[in-house]
Amino acid sequence: MIYCVRIALCTAPKKERSGAIHRVIEVLPQADWFLRTEARNLFLEHFLVARGVIEQEVSRRMQKEKREQALGVVLRLLINTLWQAGGKWNQGESTHAKQDH
């Protein structure tokens, strides 16, 4: 699956690339450790495309109860991806907003 998404991110029109990132995030709750690792690597390789989608998804998931946030494997993976990409994510403030100022 990840290899197909990589191809899509390299060949699809720019407007459609974020949809591929959305689809990867959708399968993460059922994914095993290996697929999650591959997804994180994909997000880092295509961070310019993935960043906005990841930030939106993190913001959405941060609206959930604290217990659910703590148990959220996908939330932790996405926040880790933002950190690995060199951005620091804080609730209510995206890495994109920090770089604009």
PDB file of N, CA and C in Angstrom:
ATOM      1  N   MET A   1       0.815  -1.199   0.000  1.00  0.00           N
ATOM      2  CA  MET A   1       0.000   0.000   0.000  1.00  0.00           C
ATOM      3  C   MET A   1       0.864   1.271   0.000  1.00  0.00           C
ATOM      4  N   ILE A   2       1.866   1.294   0.860  1.00  0.00           N
ATOM      5  CA  ILE A   2       2.716   2.480   0.969  1.00  0.00           C
ATOM      6  C   ILE A   2       3.423   2.759  -0.355  1.00  0.00           C
ATOM      7  N   TYR A   3       3.832   1.721  -1.053  1.00  0.00           N
ATOM      8  CA  TYR A   3       4.511   1.923  -2.333  1.00  0.00           C
ATOM      9  C   TYR A   3       3.570   2.538  -3.367  1.00  0.00           C
ATOM     10  N   CYS A   4       2.318   2.137  -3.329  1.00  0.00           N
ATOM     11  CA  CYS A   4       1.327   2.735  -4.240  1.00  0.00           C
ATOM     12  C   CYS A   4       1.128   4.210  -3.926  1.00  0.00           C
ATOM     13  N   VAL A   5       1.108   4.540  -2.643  1.00  0.00           N
ATOM     14  CA  VAL A   5       0.938   5.940  -2.241  1.00  0.00           C
ATOM     15  C   VAL A   5       2.161   6.745  -2.655  1.00  0.00           C
ATOM     16  N   ARG A   6       3.348   6.169  -2.519  1.00  0.00           N
ATOM     17  CA  ARG A   6       4.561   6.868  -2.963  1.00  0.00           C
ATOM     18  C   ARG A   6       4.480   7.209  -4.450  1.00  0.00           C
ATOM     19  N   ILE A   7       4.019   6.254  -5.232  1.00  0.00           N
ATOM     20  CA  ILE A   7       3.861   6.501  -6.670  1.00  0.00           C
ATOM     21  C   ILE A   7       2.847   7.612  -6.904  1.00  0.00           C
ATOM     22  N   ALA A   8       1.730   7.555  -6.178  1.00  0.00           N
ATOM     23  CA  ALA A   8       0.697   8.589  -6.326  1.00  0.00           C
ATOM     24  C   ALA A   8       1.240   9.960  -5.957  1.00  0.00           C
ATOM     25  N   LEU A   9       2.041  10.035  -4.900  1.00  0.00           N
ATOM     26  CA  LEU A   9       2.581  11.323  -4.474  1.00  0.00           C
ATOM     27  C   LEU A   9       3.585  11.886  -5.485  1.00  0.00           C
ATOM     28  N   CYS A  10       4.190  11.023  -6.247  1.00  0.00           N
ATOM     29  CA  CYS A  10       5.151  11.471  -7.265  1.00  0.00           C
ATOM     30  C   CYS A  10       4.486  11.795  -8.597  1.00  0.00           C
ATOM     31  N   THR A  11       3.322  11.205  -8.869  1.00  0.00           N
ATOM     32  CA  THR A  11       2.728  11.344 -10.196  1.00  0.00           C
ATOM     33  C   THR A  11       1.390  12.079 -10.229  1.00  0.00           C
ATOM     34  N   ALA A  12       0.689  12.116  -9.108  1.00  0.00           N
ATOM     35  CA  ALA A  12      -0.643  12.731  -9.091  1.00  0.00           C
ATOM     36  C   ALA A  12      -0.530  14.255  -9.195  1.00  0.00           C
ATOM     37  N   PRO A  13      -1.574  14.888  -9.715  1.00  0.00           N
ATOM     38  CA  PRO A  13      -1.599  16.354  -9.697  1.00  0.00           C
ATOM     39  C   PRO A  13      -1.496  16.859  -8.250  1.00  0.00           C
ATOM     40  N   LYS A  14      -0.869  17.984  -8.065  1.00  0.00           N
ATOM     41  CA  LYS A  14      -0.636  18.514  -6.709  1.00  0.00           C
ATOM     42  C   LYS A  14      -1.909  18.602  -5.876  1.00  0.00           C
ATOM     43  N   LYS A  15      -3.022  18.958  -6.490  1.00  0.00           N
ATOM     44  CA  LYS A  15      -4.284  19.107  -5.754  1.00  0.00           C
ATOM     45  C   LYS A  15      -4.754  17.791  -5.143  1.00  0.00           C
ATOM     46  N   GLU A  16      -4.349  16.672  -5.713  1.00  0.00           N
ATOM     47  CA  GLU A  16      -4.840  15.368  -5.277  1.00  0.00           C
ATOM     48  C   GLU A  16      -3.895  14.649  -4.312  1.00  0.00           C
ATOM     49  N   ARG A  17      -2.728  15.167  -4.100  1.00  0.00           N
ATOM     50  CA  ARG A  17      -1.731  14.480  -3.273  1.00  0.00           C
ATOM     51  C   ARG A  17      -2.122  14.407  -1.810  1.00  0.00           C
ATOM     52  N   SER A  18      -2.750  15.438  -1.291  1.00  0.00           N
ATOM     53  CA  SER A  18      -3.139  15.396   0.126  1.00  0.00           C
ATOM     54  C   SER A  18      -4.175  14.301   0.381  1.00  0.00           C
ATOM     55  N   GLY A  19      -4.963  13.961  -0.625  1.00  0.00           N
ATOM     56  CA  GLY A  19      -5.927  12.867  -0.490  1.00  0.00           C
ATOM     57  C   GLY A  19      -5.239  11.543  -0.222  1.00  0.00           C
ATOM     58  N   ALA A  20      -4.077  11.334  -0.819  1.00  0.00           N
ATOM     59  CA  ALA A  20      -3.323  10.105  -0.577  1.00  0.00           C
ATOM     60  C   ALA A  20      -2.845  10.043   0.875  1.00  0.00           C
ATOM     61  N   ILE A  21      -2.425  11.184   1.407  1.00  0.00           N
ATOM     62  CA  ILE A  21      -1.994  11.234   2.815  1.00  0.00           C
ATOM     63  C   ILE A  21      -3.184  10.938   3.725  1.00  0.00           C
ATOM     64  N   HIS A  22      -4.351  11.520   3.416  1.00  0.00           N
ATOM     65  CA  HIS A  22      -5.567  11.239   4.198  1.00  0.00           C
ATOM     66  C   HIS A  22      -5.854   9.746   4.232  1.00  0.00           C
ATOM     67  N   ARG A  23      -5.742   9.094   3.100  1.00  0.00           N
ATOM     68  CA  ARG A  23      -6.049   7.664   3.031  1.00  0.00           C
ATOM     69  C   ARG A  23      -5.085   6.828   3.868  1.00  0.00           C
ATOM     70  N   VAL A  24      -3.822   7.213   3.894  1.00  0.00           N
ATOM     71  CA  VAL A  24      -2.855   6.499   4.734  1.00  0.00           C
ATOM     72  C   VAL A  24      -3.236   6.667   6.208  1.00  0.00           C
ATOM     73  N   ILE A  25      -3.579   7.879   6.611  1.00  0.00           N
ATOM     74  CA  ILE A  25      -3.961   8.121   8.005  1.00  0.00           C
ATOM     75  C   ILE A  25      -5.203   7.307   8.371  1.00  0.00           C
ATOM     76  N   GLU A  26      -6.127   7.156   7.439  1.00  0.00           N
ATOM     77  CA  GLU A  26      -7.352   6.396   7.701  1.00  0.00           C
ATOM     78  C   GLU A  26      -7.077   4.937   8.044  1.00  0.00           C
ATOM     79  N   VAL A  27      -6.039   4.341   7.463  1.00  0.00           N
ATOM     80  CA  VAL A  27      -5.757   2.922   7.730  1.00  0.00           C
ATOM     81  C   VAL A  27      -4.857   2.714   8.943  1.00  0.00           C
ATOM     82  N   LEU A  28      -4.266   3.754   9.476  1.00  0.00           N
ATOM     83  CA  LEU A  28      -3.327   3.596  10.581  1.00  0.00           C
ATOM     84  C   LEU A  28      -3.916   2.940  11.834  1.00  0.00           C
ATOM     85  N   PRO A  29      -5.169   3.206  12.209  1.00  0.00           N
ATOM     86  CA  PRO A  29      -5.677   2.550  13.427  1.00  0.00           C
ATOM     87  C   PRO A  29      -5.654   1.016  13.359  1.00  0.00           C
ATOM     88  N   GLN A  30      -5.797   0.453  12.183  1.00  0.00           N
ATOM     89  CA  GLN A  30      -5.793  -1.000  12.031  1.00  0.00           C
ATOM     90  C   GLN A  30      -4.428  -1.545  11.601  1.00  0.00           C
ATOM     91  N   ALA A  31      -3.475  -0.675  11.369  1.00  0.00           N
ATOM     92  CA  ALA A  31      -2.172  -1.078  10.835  1.00  0.00           C
ATOM     93  C   ALA A  31      -1.292  -1.685  11.924  1.00  0.00           C
ATOM     94  N   ASP A  32      -0.405  -2.565  11.494  1.00  0.00           N
ATOM     95  CA  ASP A  32       0.579  -3.108  12.423  1.00  0.00           C
ATOM     96  C   ASP A  32       1.752  -2.130  12.544  1.00  0.00           C
ATOM     97  N   TRP A  33       2.686  -2.487  13.418  1.00  0.00           N
ATOM     98  CA  TRP A  33       3.820  -1.613  13.698  1.00  0.00           C
ATOM     99  C   TRP A  33       4.618  -1.319  12.433  1.00  0.00           C
ATOM    100  N   PHE A  34       4.852  -2.331  11.608  1.00  0.00           N
ATOM    101  CA  PHE A  34       5.647  -2.145  10.398  1.00  0.00           C
ATOM    102  C   PHE A  34       4.998  -1.131   9.455  1.00  0.00           C
ATOM    103  N   LEU A  35       3.698  -1.278   9.217  1.00  0.00           N
ATOM    104  CA  LEU A  35       3.006  -0.351   8.321  1.00  0.00           C
ATOM    105  C   LEU A  35       3.003   1.062   8.888  1.00  0.00           C
ATOM    106  N   ARG A  36       2.839   1.194  10.199  1.00  0.00           N
ATOM    107  CA  ARG A  36       2.896   2.531  10.817  1.00  0.00           C
ATOM    108  C   ARG A  36       4.273   3.161  10.636  1.00  0.00           C
ATOM    109  N   THR A  37       5.320   2.360  10.766  1.00  0.00           N
ATOM    110  CA  THR A  37       6.674   2.870  10.564  1.00  0.00           C
ATOM    111  C   THR A  37       6.865   3.315   9.117  1.00  0.00           C
ATOM    112  N   GLU A  38       6.380   2.512   8.189  1.00  0.00           N
ATOM    113  CA  GLU A  38       6.472   2.874   6.772  1.00  0.00           C
ATOM    114  C   GLU A  38       5.670   4.150   6.483  1.00  0.00           C
ATOM    115  N   ALA A  39       4.508   4.274   7.112  1.00  0.00           N
ATOM    116  CA  ALA A  39       3.688   5.471   6.924  1.00  0.00           C
ATOM    117  C   ALA A  39       4.423   6.708   7.437  1.00  0.00           C
ATOM    118  N   ARG A  40       5.030   6.601   8.635  1.00  0.00           N
ATOM    119  CA  ARG A  40       5.777   7.740   9.182  1.00  0.00           C
ATOM    120  C   ARG A  40       6.908   8.128   8.243  1.00  0.00           C
ATOM    121  N   ASN A  41       7.624   7.146   7.711  1.00  0.00           N
ATOM    122  CA  ASN A  41       8.707   7.442   6.763  1.00  0.00           C
ATOM    123  C   ASN A  41       8.169   8.124   5.506  1.00  0.00           C
ATOM    124  N   LEU A  42       7.034   7.663   5.030  1.00  0.00           N
ATOM    125  CA  LEU A  42       6.392   8.281   3.867  1.00  0.00           C
ATOM    126  C   LEU A  42       6.047   9.743   4.161  1.00  0.00           C
ATOM    127  N   PHE A  43       5.461   9.989   5.337  1.00  0.00           N
ATOM    128  CA  PHE A  43       5.103  11.360   5.718  1.00  0.00           C
ATOM    129  C   PHE A  43       6.341  12.251   5.753  1.00  0.00           C
ATOM    130  N   LEU A  44       7.439  11.720   6.277  1.00  0.00           N
ATOM    131  CA  LEU A  44       8.663  12.512   6.345  1.00  0.00           C
ATOM    132  C   LEU A  44       9.248  12.771   4.960  1.00  0.00           C
ATOM    133  N   GLU A  45       9.196  11.766   4.084  1.00  0.00           N
ATOM    134  CA  GLU A  45       9.709  11.931   2.719  1.00  0.00           C
ATOM    135  C   GLU A  45       8.911  12.970   1.935  1.00  0.00           C
ATOM    136  N   HIS A  46       7.634  13.055   2.204  1.00  0.00           N
ATOM    137  CA  HIS A  46       6.740  13.962   1.473  1.00  0.00           C
ATOM    138  C   HIS A  46       6.124  14.974   2.432  1.00  0.00           C
ATOM    139  N   PHE A  47       6.966  15.511   3.318  1.00  0.00           N
ATOM    140  CA  PHE A  47       6.455  16.366   4.389  1.00  0.00           C
ATOM    141  C   PHE A  47       5.786  17.632   3.868  1.00  0.00           C
ATOM    142  N   LEU A  48       6.246  18.171   2.778  1.00  0.00           N
ATOM    143  CA  LEU A  48       5.612  19.383   2.243  1.00  0.00           C
ATOM    144  C   LEU A  48       4.148  19.137   1.895  1.00  0.00           C
ATOM    145  N   VAL A  49       3.837  17.947   1.456  1.00  0.00           N
ATOM    146  CA  VAL A  49       2.450  17.576   1.151  1.00  0.00           C
ATOM    147  C   VAL A  49       1.730  17.139   2.416  1.00  0.00           C
ATOM    148  N   ALA A  50       2.407  16.355   3.247  1.00  0.00           N
ATOM    149  CA  ALA A  50       1.771  15.719   4.406  1.00  0.00           C
ATOM    150  C   ALA A  50       1.540  16.667   5.575  1.00  0.00           C
ATOM    151  N   ARG A  51       2.334  17.688   5.683  1.00  0.00           N
ATOM    152  CA  ARG A  51       2.318  18.556   6.862  1.00  0.00           C
ATOM    153  C   ARG A  51       0.944  19.105   7.218  1.00  0.00           C
ATOM    154  N   GLY A  52       0.296  19.739   6.282  1.00  0.00           N
ATOM    155  CA  GLY A  52      -1.011  20.332   6.561  1.00  0.00           C
ATOM    156  C   GLY A  52      -2.048  19.295   6.950  1.00  0.00           C
ATOM    157  N   VAL A  53      -2.020  18.168   6.280  1.00  0.00           N
ATOM    158  CA  VAL A  53      -2.966  17.084   6.580  1.00  0.00           C
ATOM    159  C   VAL A  53      -2.704  16.552   7.985  1.00  0.00           C
ATOM    160  N   ILE A  54      -1.438  16.346   8.311  1.00  0.00           N
ATOM    161  CA  ILE A  54      -1.079  15.843   9.637  1.00  0.00           C
ATOM    162  C   ILE A  54      -1.483  16.837  10.713  1.00  0.00           C
ATOM    163  N   GLU A  55      -1.193  18.103  10.505  1.00  0.00           N
ATOM    164  CA  GLU A  55      -1.547  19.114  11.503  1.00  0.00           C
ATOM    165  C   GLU A  55      -3.058  19.171  11.724  1.00  0.00           C
ATOM    166  N   GLN A  56      -3.832  19.075  10.665  1.00  0.00           N
ATOM    167  CA  GLN A  56      -5.294  19.068  10.806  1.00  0.00           C
ATOM    168  C   GLN A  56      -5.760  17.847  11.580  1.00  0.00           C
ATOM    169  N   GLU A  57      -5.184  16.704  11.281  1.00  0.00           N
ATOM    170  CA  GLU A  57      -5.572  15.464  11.954  1.00  0.00           C
ATOM    171  C   GLU A  57      -5.172  15.486  13.428  1.00  0.00           C
ATOM    172  N   VAL A  58      -4.004  16.008  13.735  1.00  0.00           N
ATOM    173  CA  VAL A  58      -3.583  16.134  15.133  1.00  0.00           C
ATOM    174  C   VAL A  58      -4.543  17.061  15.868  1.00  0.00           C
ATOM    175  N   SER A  59      -4.873  18.179  15.274  1.00  0.00           N
ATOM    176  CA  SER A  59      -5.811  19.116  15.910  1.00  0.00           C
ATOM    177  C   SER A  59      -7.159  18.459  16.168  1.00  0.00           C
ATOM    178  N   ARG A  60      -7.644  17.695  15.193  1.00  0.00           N
ATOM    179  CA  ARG A  60      -8.927  17.008  15.356  1.00  0.00           C
ATOM    180  C   ARG A  60      -8.866  15.990  16.488  1.00  0.00           C
ATOM    181  N   ARG A  61      -7.792  15.225  16.530  1.00  0.00           N
ATOM    182  CA  ARG A  61      -7.657  14.195  17.560  1.00  0.00           C
ATOM    183  C   ARG A  61      -7.414  14.791  18.942  1.00  0.00           C
ATOM    184  N   MET A  62      -6.823  15.975  19.006  1.00  0.00           N
ATOM    185  CA  MET A  62      -6.582  16.632  20.301  1.00  0.00           C
ATOM    186  C   MET A  62      -7.880  17.139  20.934  1.00  0.00           C
ATOM    187  N   GLN A  63      -8.949  17.179  20.179  1.00  0.00           N
ATOM    188  CA  GLN A  63     -10.244  17.597  20.714  1.00  0.00           C
ATOM    189  C   GLN A  63     -10.908  16.488  21.539  1.00  0.00           C
ATOM    190  N   LYS A  64     -10.385  15.285  21.437  1.00  0.00           N
ATOM    191  CA  LYS A  64     -10.950  14.140  22.155  1.00  0.00           C
ATOM    192  C   LYS A  64     -10.548  14.203  23.624  1.00  0.00           C
ATOM    193  N   GLU A  65     -11.163  13.367  24.431  1.00  0.00           N
ATOM    194  CA  GLU A  65     -10.855  13.325  25.859  1.00  0.00           C
ATOM    195  C   GLU A  65      -9.390  12.962  26.076  1.00  0.00           C
ATOM    196  N   LYS A  66      -8.831  13.430  27.194  1.00  0.00           N
ATOM    197  CA  LYS A  66      -7.409  13.209  27.484  1.00  0.00           C
ATOM    198  C   LYS A  66      -7.061  11.722  27.521  1.00  0.00           C
ATOM    199  N   ARG A  67      -7.935  10.902  28.073  1.00  0.00           N
ATOM    200  CA  ARG A  67      -7.668   9.464  28.142  1.00  0.00           C
ATOM    201  C   ARG A  67      -7.557   8.881  26.731  1.00  0.00           C
ATOM    202  N   GLU A  68      -8.460   9.268  25.860  1.00  0.00           N
ATOM    203  CA  GLU A  68      -8.435   8.781  24.482  1.00  0.00           C
ATOM    204  C   GLU A  68      -7.188   9.281  23.750  1.00  0.00           C
ATOM    205  N   GLN A  69      -6.772  10.523  24.054  1.00  0.00           N
ATOM    206  CA  GLN A  69      -5.546  11.052  23.457  1.00  0.00           C
ATOM    207  C   GLN A  69      -4.344  10.218  23.887  1.00  0.00           C
ATOM    208  N   ALA A  70      -4.298   9.891  25.179  1.00  0.00           N
ATOM    209  CA  ALA A  70      -3.168   9.131  25.710  1.00  0.00           C
ATOM    210  C   ALA A  70      -3.077   7.737  25.093  1.00  0.00           C
ATOM    211  N   LEU A  71      -4.211   7.147  24.772  1.00  0.00           N
ATOM    212  CA  LEU A  71      -4.237   5.814  24.177  1.00  0.00           C
ATOM    213  C   LEU A  71      -4.104   5.849  22.661  1.00  0.00           C
ATOM    214  N   GLY A  72      -4.145   7.018  22.076  1.00  0.00           N
ATOM    215  CA  GLY A  72      -4.160   7.162  20.621  1.00  0.00           C
ATOM    216  C   GLY A  72      -2.813   6.922  19.965  1.00  0.00           C
ATOM    217  N   VAL A  73      -2.619   5.718  19.447  1.00  0.00           N
ATOM    218  CA  VAL A  73      -1.373   5.371  18.768  1.00  0.00           C
ATOM    219  C   VAL A  73      -1.166   6.249  17.542  1.00  0.00           C
ATOM    220  N   VAL A  74      -2.226   6.513  16.807  1.00  0.00           N
ATOM    221  CA  VAL A  74      -2.118   7.330  15.601  1.00  0.00           C
ATOM    222  C   VAL A  74      -1.753   8.762  15.965  1.00  0.00           C
ATOM    223  N   LEU A  75      -2.375   9.303  16.999  1.00  0.00           N
ATOM    224  CA  LEU A  75      -2.047  10.662  17.438  1.00  0.00           C
ATOM    225  C   LEU A  75      -0.571  10.761  17.801  1.00  0.00           C
ATOM    226  N   ARG A  76      -0.075   9.806  18.560  1.00  0.00           N
ATOM    227  CA  ARG A  76       1.345   9.826  18.945  1.00  0.00           C
ATOM    228  C   ARG A  76       2.247   9.725  17.720  1.00  0.00           C
ATOM    229  N   LEU A  77       1.888   8.885  16.761  1.00  0.00           N
ATOM    230  CA  LEU A  77       2.682   8.749  15.539  1.00  0.00           C
ATOM    231  C   LEU A  77       2.722  10.060  14.772  1.00  0.00           C
ATOM    232  N   LEU A  78       1.584  10.722  14.656  1.00  0.00           N
ATOM    233  CA  LEU A  78       1.524  11.972  13.891  1.00  0.00           C
ATOM    234  C   LEU A  78       2.306  13.085  14.576  1.00  0.00           C
ATOM    235  N   ILE A  79       2.186  13.180  15.897  1.00  0.00           N
ATOM    236  CA  ILE A  79       2.953  14.192  16.632  1.00  0.00           C
ATOM    237  C   ILE A  79       4.444  13.895  16.513  1.00  0.00           C
ATOM    238  N   ASN A  80       4.811  12.621  16.621  1.00  0.00           N
ATOM    239  CA  ASN A  80       6.207  12.223  16.461  1.00  0.00           C
ATOM    240  C   ASN A  80       6.729  12.604  15.086  1.00  0.00           C
ATOM    241  N   THR A  81       5.895  12.443  14.070  1.00  0.00           N
ATOM    242  CA  THR A  81       6.293  12.809  12.705  1.00  0.00           C
ATOM    243  C   THR A  81       6.580  14.304  12.619  1.00  0.00           C
ATOM    244  N   LEU A  82       5.724  15.117  13.220  1.00  0.00           N
ATOM    245  CA  LEU A  82       5.950  16.565  13.213  1.00  0.00           C
ATOM    246  C   LEU A  82       7.260  16.912  13.913  1.00  0.00           C
ATOM    247  N   TRP A  83       7.526  16.257  15.042  1.00  0.00           N
ATOM    248  CA  TRP A  83       8.773  16.504  15.764  1.00  0.00           C
ATOM    249  C   TRP A  83       9.978  16.070  14.929  1.00  0.00           C
ATOM    250  N   GLN A  84       9.882  14.906  14.322  1.00  0.00           N
ATOM    251  CA  GLN A  84      11.003  14.415  13.518  1.00  0.00           C
ATOM    252  C   GLN A  84      11.284  15.318  12.326  1.00  0.00           C
ATOM    253  N   ALA A  85      10.260  15.941  11.813  1.00  0.00           N
ATOM    254  CA  ALA A  85      10.436  16.827  10.660  1.00  0.00           C
ATOM    255  C   ALA A  85      11.031  18.168  11.068  1.00  0.00           C
ATOM    256  N   GLY A  86      11.246  18.337  12.362  1.00  0.00           N
ATOM    257  CA  GLY A  86      11.893  19.553  12.829  1.00  0.00           C
ATOM    258  C   GLY A  86      10.944  20.591  13.374  1.00  0.00           C
ATOM    259  N   GLY A  87       9.652  20.314  13.321  1.00  0.00           N
ATOM    260  CA  GLY A  87       8.681  21.242  13.878  1.00  0.00           C
ATOM    261  C   GLY A  87       8.272  20.792  15.260  1.00  0.00           C
ATOM    262  N   LYS A  88       7.905  21.723  16.059  1.00  0.00           N
ATOM    263  CA  LYS A  88       7.381  21.384  17.378  1.00  0.00           C
ATOM    264  C   LYS A  88       5.913  21.739  17.374  1.00  0.00           C
ATOM    265  N   TRP A  89       5.097  20.779  17.702  1.00  0.00           N
ATOM    266  CA  TRP A  89       3.658  20.988  17.640  1.00  0.00           C
ATOM    267  C   TRP A  89       3.125  21.212  19.038  1.00  0.00           C
ATOM    268  N   ASN A  90       2.417  22.294  19.232  1.00  0.00           N
ATOM    269  CA  ASN A  90       1.720  22.559  20.484  1.00  0.00           C
ATOM    270  C   ASN A  90       0.250  22.708  20.176  1.00  0.00           C
ATOM    271  N   GLN A  91      -0.579  22.262  21.108  1.00  0.00           N
ATOM    272  CA  GLN A  91      -2.021  22.357  20.898  1.00  0.00           C
ATOM    273  C   GLN A  91      -2.388  23.808  20.598  1.00  0.00           C
ATOM    274  N   GLY A  92      -3.093  23.983  19.499  1.00  0.00           N
ATOM    275  CA  GLY A  92      -3.549  25.311  19.128  1.00  0.00           C
ATOM    276  C   GLY A  92      -2.560  26.085  18.279  1.00  0.00           C
ATOM    277  N   GLU A  93      -1.372  25.560  18.082  1.00  0.00           N
ATOM    278  CA  GLU A  93      -0.379  26.281  17.285  1.00  0.00           C
ATOM    279  C   GLU A  93       0.337  25.292  16.385  1.00  0.00           C
ATOM    280  N   SER A  94       0.218  25.477  15.107  1.00  0.00           N
ATOM    281  CA  SER A  94       0.836  24.545  14.162  1.00  0.00           C
ATOM    282  C   SER A  94       2.254  24.972  13.850  1.00  0.00           C
ATOM    283  N   THR A  95       3.016  24.047  13.298  1.00  0.00           N
ATOM    284  CA  THR A  95       4.374  24.387  12.873  1.00  0.00           C
ATOM    285  C   THR A  95       4.335  25.400  11.747  1.00  0.00           C
ATOM    286  N   HIS A  96       3.295  25.330  10.920  1.00  0.00           N
ATOM    287  CA  HIS A  96       3.150  26.266   9.809  1.00  0.00           C
ATOM    288  C   HIS A  96       2.989  27.685  10.341  1.00  0.00           C
ATOM    289  N   ALA A  97       2.168  27.864  11.367  1.00  0.00           N
ATOM    290  CA  ALA A  97       1.953  29.188  11.936  1.00  0.00           C
ATOM    291  C   ALA A  97       3.247  29.728  12.542  1.00  0.00           C
ATOM    292  N   LYS A  98       4.053  28.858  13.155  1.00  0.00           N
ATOM    293  CA  LYS A  98       5.295  29.303  13.761  1.00  0.00           C
ATOM    294  C   LYS A  98       6.271  29.806  12.706  1.00  0.00           C
ATOM    295  N   GLN A  99       6.321  29.158  11.555  1.00  0.00           N
ATOM    296  CA  GLN A  99       7.265  29.551  10.535  1.00  0.00           C
ATOM    297  C   GLN A  99       6.837  30.827   9.820  1.00  0.00           C
ATOM    298  N   ASP A 100       5.574  31.158   9.868  1.00  0.00           N
ATOM    299  CA  ASP A 100       5.103  32.367   9.209  1.00  0.00           C
ATOM    300  C   ASP A 100       5.442  33.613   9.998  1.00  0.00           C
ATOM    301  N   HIS A 101       5.786  33.474  11.256  1.00  0.00           N
ATOM    302  CA  HIS A 101       6.034  34.654  12.095  1.00  0.00           C
ATOM    303  C   HIS A 101       7.482  34.917  12.285  1.00  0.00           C
TER     304      HIS A 101
END
